[in-house]
Structures are given as C-alpha cells and as structure tokens.
Amino acid sequence: MISKRAFLSGLASTTALALVPARVRAQAPDATLFTNVRVYDGMSDELTELTNVLVEGEMIKDVSPAADAAQEVPRIDGDGRTLMPGLLDMHVHLQWNQDPAGFLTARPDYIAALALSESEATLMRGFTSVRDTGGGILGLARAIDEGLHPGPRIQASNAAISMTAGHGDLRPRSVRPRAFGGPPFTE
C-alpha cells in the first residue's frame, strides 16, 4: 500500500492539497475519491485507462473505474491527468542551494528562507520524501512536520562527512588536519 500523502502529491491538479498544513489535513475527511485519472504505479511502463482512486485515511483503498465511497466523500476530478506515487530523493541539499561563498557569508535567516523556498519547490516537483545530506535543517523538517510550511518529509543526516580537503571540508589551507581521534598535527 502507498501512503495517502505520497499518492496525493503526484497529481498535478491536486498538488495543492499537499501544501495544506498538516494541522489542517488532520481535520480533513477520512476519505477522498479521485476521479477521471490515469494512474502511473511505477510497476508498469503504461498508464492506466481513465479510472478512479479511493483513498481512506493514509491508505489507497481501491483503484478501479468502479471505485466509489459508500458515504459522501470529497471528490476531486483529475480531468484526465496523471496520478502517481510521490517520488523520493535520497541526496538533496535544501540549504546548499547557492554558491559556497554566498552560503558562508549569508545571514542565517536568509539561508533559512532559501531552504523554505527550495523545500516547497521540491514538493512541487513531486518529491514527497527526501534525505538531506549535510545540512542543518532539523528546524525546517520540524516546520514542515508541524504544517507551518509546505515541503516533503525530510530525513536529515545533519553534519556532512567528508575526506580531508574534500568538498565538505571547509577549513582554510592553513589549518592542518587532525590525526584520527587525536589533536591537530604540529611540526
């Protein structure tokens, strides 16, 4: 089964639903019926013919032309658009979306604003879950989880791990590397 959030985010006409804050979604109806959609399930190279998708809670209940709800539920007409599971990106940098010099000299609140903008853009590209590698974005993840801002689910790795002089080593050349587990080398 695919989660409701992941499935909803793929439909162009309903992507706006994913932007609704979590505290509002929690008050949303328990079921939603998507009608007149072509489904890409990730298993086949082909889209389905026009069909309906019934979502109850966080789960897909039925995918068929006959899918319907026993009680009256919100219906969203997909108008022939494609509905698909949300995408996952396992290597993103929501904060590192500018040149390194700009990142190192920018104000923290400006960097946070850029990260908010990038998180929403990432969601709108269909990515409902991401792993942010090497960014201090736990505050952003919390804001998204609490429904304060639209964005994908974030699995944060926090501090970057890099080899000495690698792309994550931002020390100046004048700072010598430390011995493994020990103090800095001295001459």
C-alpha atoms as a PDB file:
ATOM      1  CA  MET A   1       0.000   0.000   0.000  1.00  0.00           C
ATOM      2  CA  ILE A   2       1.079   3.542  -0.752  1.00  0.00           C
ATOM      3  CA  SER A   3       0.515   6.267   1.807  1.00  0.00           C
ATOM      4  CA  LYS A   4      -2.112   8.888   1.040  1.00  0.00           C
ATOM      5  CA  ARG A   5       0.400  11.731   1.230  1.00  0.00           C
ATOM      6  CA  ALA A   6       2.756  10.077  -1.240  1.00  0.00           C
ATOM      7  CA  PHE A   7      -0.042   9.269  -3.695  1.00  0.00           C
ATOM      8  CA  LEU A   8      -1.750  12.657  -3.493  1.00  0.00           C
ATOM      9  CA  SER A   9       1.348  14.669  -4.267  1.00  0.00           C
ATOM     10  CA  GLY A  10       1.735  13.176  -7.726  1.00  0.00           C
ATOM     11  CA  LEU A  11      -1.477  14.531  -9.207  1.00  0.00           C
ATOM     12  CA  ALA A  12      -0.891  17.882 -10.830  1.00  0.00           C
ATOM     13  CA  SER A  13      -4.404  19.106 -10.190  1.00  0.00           C
ATOM     14  CA  THR A  14      -4.240  18.159  -6.523  1.00  0.00           C
ATOM     15  CA  THR A  15      -0.673  19.023  -5.658  1.00  0.00           C
ATOM     16  CA  ALA A  16      -2.129  21.988  -3.820  1.00  0.00           C
ATOM     17  CA  LEU A  17      -3.603  19.509  -1.314  1.00  0.00           C
ATOM     18  CA  ALA A  18      -0.081  18.544  -0.304  1.00  0.00           C
ATOM     19  CA  LEU A  19       0.559  22.189   0.501  1.00  0.00           C
ATOM     20  CA  VAL A  20      -2.213  22.267   3.080  1.00  0.00           C
ATOM     21  CA  PRO A  21      -0.620  22.366   6.539  1.00  0.00           C
ATOM     22  CA  ALA A  22      -0.607  19.095   8.475  1.00  0.00           C
ATOM     23  CA  ARG A  23      -2.774  20.567  11.238  1.00  0.00           C
ATOM     24  CA  VAL A  24      -5.436  21.316   8.603  1.00  0.00           C
ATOM     25  CA  ARG A  25      -5.036  17.951   6.847  1.00  0.00           C
ATOM     26  CA  ALA A  26      -5.607  16.252  10.210  1.00  0.00           C
ATOM     27  CA  GLN A  27      -9.094  17.777  10.198  1.00  0.00           C
ATOM     28  CA  ALA A  28      -9.725  16.710   6.599  1.00  0.00           C
ATOM     29  CA  PRO A  29     -12.200  13.962   5.742  1.00  0.00           C
ATOM     30  CA  ASP A  30     -11.071  10.386   6.250  1.00  0.00           C
ATOM     31  CA  ALA A  31     -11.669   9.541   2.593  1.00  0.00           C
ATOM     32  CA  THR A  32     -11.163  11.195  -0.775  1.00  0.00           C
ATOM     33  CA  LEU A  33     -12.187   9.953  -4.205  1.00  0.00           C
ATOM     34  CA  PHE A  34     -10.062  10.938  -7.204  1.00  0.00           C
ATOM     35  CA  THR A  35     -11.994  10.518 -10.421  1.00  0.00           C
ATOM     36  CA  ASN A  36     -11.044  10.613 -14.077  1.00  0.00           C
ATOM     37  CA  VAL A  37      -7.299   9.971 -13.576  1.00  0.00           C
ATOM     38  CA  ARG A  38      -4.675   7.879 -15.341  1.00  0.00           C
ATOM     39  CA  VAL A  39      -2.528   6.071 -12.802  1.00  0.00           C
ATOM     40  CA  TYR A  40       1.210   5.504 -13.070  1.00  0.00           C
ATOM     41  CA  ASP A  41       2.058   2.881 -10.454  1.00  0.00           C
ATOM     42  CA  GLY A  42       5.809   2.559 -11.016  1.00  0.00           C
ATOM     43  CA  MET A  43       5.418  -1.130 -11.884  1.00  0.00           C
ATOM     44  CA  SER A  44       4.313  -0.794 -15.498  1.00  0.00           C
ATOM     45  CA  ASP A  45       5.564   1.377 -18.333  1.00  0.00           C
ATOM     46  CA  GLU A  46       1.983   2.211 -19.245  1.00  0.00           C
ATOM     47  CA  LEU A  47      -0.569   4.491 -17.637  1.00  0.00           C
ATOM     48  CA  THR A  48      -3.950   3.010 -16.799  1.00  0.00           C
ATOM     49  CA  GLU A  49      -7.043   3.976 -18.714  1.00  0.00           C
ATOM     50  CA  LEU A  50      -9.148   6.622 -17.001  1.00  0.00           C
ATOM     51  CA  THR A  51     -10.003   5.315 -13.562  1.00  0.00           C
ATOM     52  CA  ASN A  52     -10.911   6.312 -10.015  1.00  0.00           C
ATOM     53  CA  VAL A  53      -8.833   6.088  -6.838  1.00  0.00           C
ATOM     54  CA  LEU A  54     -10.385   5.905  -3.382  1.00  0.00           C
ATOM     55  CA  VAL A  55      -8.106   6.957  -0.522  1.00  0.00           C
ATOM     56  CA  GLU A  56      -9.155   6.248   3.064  1.00  0.00           C
ATOM     57  CA  GLY A  57      -7.014   7.666   5.833  1.00  0.00           C
ATOM     58  CA  GLU A  58      -3.397   7.149   4.823  1.00  0.00           C
ATOM     59  CA  MET A  59      -4.046   4.192   2.518  1.00  0.00           C
ATOM     60  CA  ILE A  60      -5.185   3.576  -1.044  1.00  0.00           C
ATOM     61  CA  LYS A  61      -8.413   1.584  -0.662  1.00  0.00           C
ATOM     62  CA  ASP A  62      -9.356   0.967  -4.307  1.00  0.00           C
ATOM     63  CA  VAL A  63      -8.052   1.727  -7.790  1.00  0.00           C
ATOM     64  CA  SER A  64     -10.683   0.922 -10.399  1.00  0.00           C
ATOM     65  CA  PRO A  65     -13.259   2.608 -12.632  1.00  0.00           C
ATOM     66  CA  ALA A  66     -15.880   1.411 -10.151  1.00  0.00           C
ATOM     67  CA  ALA A  67     -14.086   2.769  -7.091  1.00  0.00           C
ATOM     68  CA  ASP A  68     -16.583   4.750  -5.086  1.00  0.00           C
ATOM     69  CA  ALA A  69     -17.273   5.531  -1.485  1.00  0.00           C
ATOM     70  CA  ALA A  70     -20.305   4.261   0.416  1.00  0.00           C
ATOM     71  CA  GLN A  71     -20.831   7.642   2.039  1.00  0.00           C
ATOM     72  CA  GLU A  72     -20.482  11.067   0.528  1.00  0.00           C
ATOM     73  CA  VAL A  73     -16.767  11.968   0.400  1.00  0.00           C
ATOM     74  CA  PRO A  74     -14.871  14.805  -1.222  1.00  0.00           C
ATOM     75  CA  ARG A  75     -14.325  14.113  -4.901  1.00  0.00           C
ATOM     76  CA  ILE A  76     -11.507  15.540  -6.958  1.00  0.00           C
ATOM     77  CA  ASP A  77     -11.837  15.389 -10.720  1.00  0.00           C
ATOM     78  CA  GLY A  78      -8.416  14.752 -12.208  1.00  0.00           C
ATOM     79  CA  ASP A  79      -9.622  15.768 -15.681  1.00  0.00           C
ATOM     80  CA  GLY A  80      -7.526  13.034 -17.324  1.00  0.00           C
ATOM     81  CA  ARG A  81      -4.292  13.997 -15.549  1.00  0.00           C
ATOM     82  CA  THR A  82      -1.763  11.507 -14.197  1.00  0.00           C
ATOM     83  CA  LEU A  83      -1.812  10.366 -10.577  1.00  0.00           C
ATOM     84  CA  MET A  84       1.330   8.686  -9.300  1.00  0.00           C
ATOM     85  CA  PRO A  85       3.114   7.821  -6.061  1.00  0.00           C
ATOM     86  CA  GLY A  86       5.298  10.546  -4.622  1.00  0.00           C
ATOM     87  CA  LEU A  87       8.963  10.450  -5.565  1.00  0.00           C
ATOM     88  CA  LEU A  88      11.833  10.022  -3.094  1.00  0.00           C
ATOM     89  CA  ASP A  89      15.193  11.769  -3.491  1.00  0.00           C
ATOM     90  CA  MET A  90      17.916  10.297  -1.327  1.00  0.00           C
ATOM     91  CA  HIS A  91      20.526  13.033  -1.878  1.00  0.00           C
ATOM     92  CA  VAL A  92      19.427  16.655  -1.626  1.00  0.00           C
ATOM     93  CA  HIS A  93      20.867  19.833  -0.162  1.00  0.00           C
ATOM     94  CA  LEU A  94      17.918  22.032   0.771  1.00  0.00           C
ATOM     95  CA  GLN A  95      20.225  24.617   2.369  1.00  0.00           C
ATOM     96  CA  TRP A  96      23.119  24.448  -0.076  1.00  0.00           C
ATOM     97  CA  ASN A  97      21.172  25.963  -2.952  1.00  0.00           C
ATOM     98  CA  GLN A  98      23.616  28.787  -3.665  1.00  0.00           C
ATOM     99  CA  ASP A  99      27.331  29.147  -4.281  1.00  0.00           C
ATOM    100  CA  PRO A 100      29.619  28.260  -1.341  1.00  0.00           C
ATOM    101  CA  ALA A 101      30.846  31.837  -0.842  1.00  0.00           C
ATOM    102  CA  GLY A 102      27.261  33.071  -0.735  1.00  0.00           C
ATOM    103  CA  PHE A 103      26.314  30.379   1.731  1.00  0.00           C
ATOM    104  CA  LEU A 104      29.227  31.127   4.041  1.00  0.00           C
ATOM    105  CA  THR A 105      28.577  34.888   4.086  1.00  0.00           C
ATOM    106  CA  ALA A 106      24.764  34.983   4.021  1.00  0.00           C
ATOM    107  CA  ARG A 107      22.646  35.704   7.065  1.00  0.00           C
ATOM    108  CA  PRO A 108      21.182  32.559   8.707  1.00  0.00           C
ATOM    109  CA  ASP A 109      17.613  33.836   8.292  1.00  0.00           C
ATOM    110  CA  TYR A 110      18.210  34.348   4.550  1.00  0.00           C
ATOM    111  CA  ILE A 111      19.594  30.807   4.249  1.00  0.00           C
ATOM    112  CA  ALA A 112      16.506  29.544   6.102  1.00  0.00           C
ATOM    113  CA  ALA A 113      14.239  31.465   3.704  1.00  0.00           C
ATOM    114  CA  LEU A 114      16.025  29.895   0.720  1.00  0.00           C
ATOM    115  CA  ALA A 115      15.651  26.446   2.303  1.00  0.00           C
ATOM    116  CA  LEU A 116      11.909  27.033   2.807  1.00  0.00           C
ATOM    117  CA  SER A 117      11.570  28.046  -0.825  1.00  0.00           C
ATOM    118  CA  GLU A 118      13.582  25.034  -2.000  1.00  0.00           C
ATOM    119  CA  SER A 119      11.522  22.634   0.148  1.00  0.00           C
ATOM    120  CA  GLU A 120       8.285  23.845  -1.436  1.00  0.00           C
ATOM    121  CA  ALA A 121       9.806  23.666  -4.934  1.00  0.00           C
ATOM    122  CA  THR A 122      10.989  20.120  -4.193  1.00  0.00           C
ATOM    123  CA  LEU A 123       7.479  19.084  -3.177  1.00  0.00           C
ATOM    124  CA  MET A 124       6.003  20.700  -6.279  1.00  0.00           C
ATOM    125  CA  ARG A 125       8.401  18.640  -8.417  1.00  0.00           C
ATOM    126  CA  GLY A 126       6.703  15.551  -6.950  1.00  0.00           C
ATOM    127  CA  PHE A 127       9.211  14.586  -4.258  1.00  0.00           C
ATOM    128  CA  THR A 128       7.272  13.759  -1.099  1.00  0.00           C
ATOM    129  CA  SER A 129      10.269  12.427   0.856  1.00  0.00           C
ATOM    130  CA  VAL A 130      13.930  13.439   0.766  1.00  0.00           C
ATOM    131  CA  ARG A 131      17.152  12.702   2.584  1.00  0.00           C
ATOM    132  CA  ASP A 132      19.079  15.915   3.127  1.00  0.00           C
ATOM    133  CA  THR A 133      22.778  15.134   3.190  1.00  0.00           C
ATOM    134  CA  GLY A 134      24.922  17.565   5.081  1.00  0.00           C
ATOM    135  CA  GLY A 135      22.670  20.397   6.105  1.00  0.00           C
ATOM    136  CA  GLY A 136      21.487  21.682   9.439  1.00  0.00           C
ATOM    137  CA  ILE A 137      17.806  21.530   8.576  1.00  0.00           C
ATOM    138  CA  LEU A 138      16.158  19.944  11.582  1.00  0.00           C
ATOM    139  CA  GLY A 139      14.256  23.198  12.157  1.00  0.00           C
ATOM    140  CA  LEU A 140      12.978  23.118   8.575  1.00  0.00           C
ATOM    141  CA  ALA A 141      11.943  19.479   8.955  1.00  0.00           C
ATOM    142  CA  ARG A 142      10.067  20.361  12.144  1.00  0.00           C
ATOM    143  CA  ALA A 143       8.297  23.310  10.500  1.00  0.00           C
ATOM    144  CA  ILE A 144       7.148  21.032   7.677  1.00  0.00           C
ATOM    145  CA  ASP A 145       6.086  18.245  10.067  1.00  0.00           C
ATOM    146  CA  GLU A 146       4.077  20.740  12.136  1.00  0.00           C
ATOM    147  CA  GLY A 147       2.374  22.052   8.997  1.00  0.00           C
ATOM    148  CA  LEU A 148       3.911  25.516   9.185  1.00  0.00           C
ATOM    149  CA  HIS A 149       5.304  25.316   5.653  1.00  0.00           C
ATOM    150  CA  PRO A 150       4.835  23.015   2.659  1.00  0.00           C
ATOM    151  CA  GLY A 151       7.594  20.577   1.872  1.00  0.00           C
ATOM    152  CA  PRO A 152       8.500  16.899   1.675  1.00  0.00           C
ATOM    153  CA  ARG A 153       9.187  14.626   4.605  1.00  0.00           C
ATOM    154  CA  ILE A 154      12.832  15.166   5.469  1.00  0.00           C
ATOM    155  CA  GLN A 155      15.279  12.571   6.745  1.00  0.00           C
ATOM    156  CA  ALA A 156      18.236  14.724   7.787  1.00  0.00           C
ATOM    157  CA  SER A 157      21.774  13.440   8.096  1.00  0.00           C
ATOM    158  CA  ASN A 158      22.919  16.777   9.581  1.00  0.00           C
ATOM    159  CA  ALA A 159      26.706  17.307   9.501  1.00  0.00           C
ATOM    160  CA  ALA A 160      28.452  16.372   6.286  1.00  0.00           C
ATOM    161  CA  ILE A 161      31.172  13.766   6.408  1.00  0.00           C
ATOM    162  CA  SER A 162      33.990  14.449   4.006  1.00  0.00           C
ATOM    163  CA  MET A 163      37.554  13.438   3.405  1.00  0.00           C
ATOM    164  CA  THR A 164      40.290  15.911   4.245  1.00  0.00           C
ATOM    165  CA  ALA A 165      40.254  18.631   1.570  1.00  0.00           C
ATOM    166  CA  GLY A 166      37.040  17.120   0.137  1.00  0.00           C
ATOM    167  CA  HIS A 167      34.021  19.157  -0.866  1.00  0.00           C
ATOM    168  CA  GLY A 168      32.710  19.107   2.723  1.00  0.00           C
ATOM    169  CA  ASP A 169      35.982  20.215   4.325  1.00  0.00           C
ATOM    170  CA  LEU A 170      35.647  23.982   4.644  1.00  0.00           C
ATOM    171  CA  ARG A 171      38.760  24.596   6.730  1.00  0.00           C
ATOM    172  CA  PRO A 172      41.314  27.027   5.330  1.00  0.00           C
ATOM    173  CA  ARG A 173      44.528  25.527   3.970  1.00  0.00           C
ATOM    174  CA  SER A 174      46.406  26.949   6.951  1.00  0.00           C
ATOM    175  CA  VAL A 175      44.581  24.569   9.332  1.00  0.00           C
ATOM    176  CA  ARG A 176      46.305  21.214   9.346  1.00  0.00           C
ATOM    177  CA  PRO A 177      44.155  18.072   9.676  1.00  0.00           C
ATOM    178  CA  ARG A 178      43.911  16.221  12.958  1.00  0.00           C
ATOM    179  CA  ALA A 179      45.319  12.767  13.475  1.00  0.00           C
ATOM    180  CA  PHE A 180      42.491  10.243  13.656  1.00  0.00           C
ATOM    181  CA  GLY A 181      40.959  10.751  17.077  1.00  0.00           C
ATOM    182  CA  GLY A 182      43.828  12.968  18.256  1.00  0.00           C
ATOM    183  CA  PRO A 183      44.948  16.565  18.448  1.00  0.00           C
ATOM    184  CA  PRO A 184      45.964  18.592  15.372  1.00  0.00           C
ATOM    185  CA  PHE A 185      49.354  17.746  13.880  1.00  0.00           C
ATOM    186  CA  THR A 186      52.135  20.070  14.924  1.00  0.00           C
ATOM    187  CA  GLU A 187      55.558  20.483  13.466  1.00  0.00           C
END
